[in-house]
Amino acid sequence: MKAKPETTAHVSVKEYCFTKKEVKGVVEASDFKWTFTWSFGKGVLFVTPPLGRALIQDSLLRFFLKKDYELEAGNEYKFIISAKF
């Protein structure tokens, strides 16, 4: 049986501002690195740079929707993506 492809994404939360309703930080997966702003008040996720953004954006959004109230600035998190980057 062939193993399913997967990549581990590492999320570093740099800022969590409840008054602005935003989480900012960095996400890395394989050789890619992006910065993000999760505006949970608006339900909008911004990811830069655009190179490879399609690889991470949906998975990162699902991660935030599941974990956003557990996140704290200065902490590191990880999640598995069902794709090989």
Protein backbone atom coordinates (compact mmCIF):
# COMPACT_ATOMS: atom_id res chain seq x y z
CA MET A 1 0.00 0.00 0.00
CA LYS A 2 1.37 3.39 -1.00
CA ALA A 3 1.66 6.05 1.71
CA LYS A 4 -0.38 9.20 1.23
CA PRO A 5 1.65 12.30 0.38
CA GLU A 6 1.93 14.81 3.19
CA THR A 7 3.83 17.93 4.19
CA THR A 8 4.18 19.42 7.67
CA ALA A 9 3.47 23.14 7.90
CA HIS A 10 5.06 25.10 10.76
CA VAL A 11 3.17 28.19 11.97
CA SER A 12 4.80 30.90 14.07
CA VAL A 13 2.38 33.42 15.58
CA LYS A 14 4.10 36.81 15.89
CA GLU A 15 1.13 39.01 16.89
CA TYR A 16 -2.36 38.33 18.23
CA CYS A 17 -4.46 41.47 18.59
CA PHE A 18 -7.95 40.89 19.93
CA THR A 19 -8.98 44.55 19.51
CA LYS A 20 -8.07 44.48 15.77
CA LYS A 21 -9.25 40.85 15.59
CA GLU A 22 -6.06 39.82 13.78
CA VAL A 23 -3.36 37.18 14.00
CA LYS A 24 -0.08 37.78 12.17
CA GLY A 25 2.86 35.49 11.64
CA VAL A 26 4.87 33.19 9.41
CA VAL A 27 4.11 29.76 7.97
CA GLU A 28 6.72 27.43 6.47
CA ALA A 29 6.20 24.21 4.54
CA SER A 30 8.95 22.38 2.67
CA ASP A 31 11.11 25.07 0.99
CA PHE A 32 8.31 27.68 1.03
CA LYS A 33 7.87 30.52 3.51
CA TRP A 34 4.95 32.95 3.72
CA THR A 35 3.73 35.71 6.01
CA PHE A 36 0.05 35.81 6.90
CA THR A 37 -2.60 37.99 8.46
CA TRP A 38 -5.73 36.19 9.66
CA SER A 39 -8.49 38.79 10.16
CA PHE A 40 -10.80 36.58 12.16
CA GLY A 41 -13.29 39.40 12.66
CA LYS A 42 -13.81 39.53 8.88
CA GLY A 43 -13.03 35.88 8.17
CA VAL A 44 -10.29 36.84 5.70
CA LEU A 45 -6.80 35.36 5.33
CA PHE A 46 -4.03 37.28 3.53
CA VAL A 47 -0.91 35.32 2.51
CA THR A 48 2.22 36.79 0.89
CA PRO A 49 4.20 36.36 -1.28
CA PRO A 50 1.94 35.02 -4.03
CA LEU A 51 4.49 32.37 -5.11
CA GLY A 52 3.08 29.07 -3.88
CA ARG A 53 0.20 30.74 -2.01
CA ALA A 54 -2.32 28.34 -3.56
CA LEU A 55 -0.46 25.46 -1.90
CA ILE A 56 -1.01 26.75 1.64
CA GLN A 57 -3.95 29.15 1.77
CA ASP A 58 -6.86 26.69 2.08
CA SER A 59 -5.07 24.43 4.56
CA LEU A 60 -3.96 27.39 6.67
CA LEU A 61 -7.48 28.82 6.71
CA ARG A 62 -8.88 25.46 7.92
CA PHE A 63 -6.18 25.39 10.61
CA PHE A 64 -7.18 28.87 11.82
CA LEU A 65 -10.89 28.11 11.80
CA LYS A 66 -10.21 25.09 13.99
CA LYS A 67 -7.55 26.56 16.32
CA ASP A 68 -7.84 30.37 16.35
CA TYR A 69 -8.96 30.68 19.99
CA GLU A 70 -6.08 28.44 21.11
CA LEU A 71 -3.37 30.53 19.42
CA GLU A 72 -1.01 32.78 21.37
CA ALA A 73 1.64 35.23 20.18
CA GLY A 74 5.15 33.83 20.43
CA ASN A 75 4.09 30.20 20.10
CA GLU A 76 4.84 27.67 17.37
CA TYR A 77 2.26 25.29 15.90
CA LYS A 78 2.22 22.68 13.16
CA PHE A 79 -0.29 20.83 11.05
CA ILE A 80 -0.21 18.24 8.28
CA ILE A 81 -1.20 18.99 4.68
CA SER A 82 -2.32 16.05 2.54
CA ALA A 83 0.01 16.94 -0.34
CA LYS A 84 3.73 16.78 -1.06
CA PHE A 85 5.32 20.16 -1.74
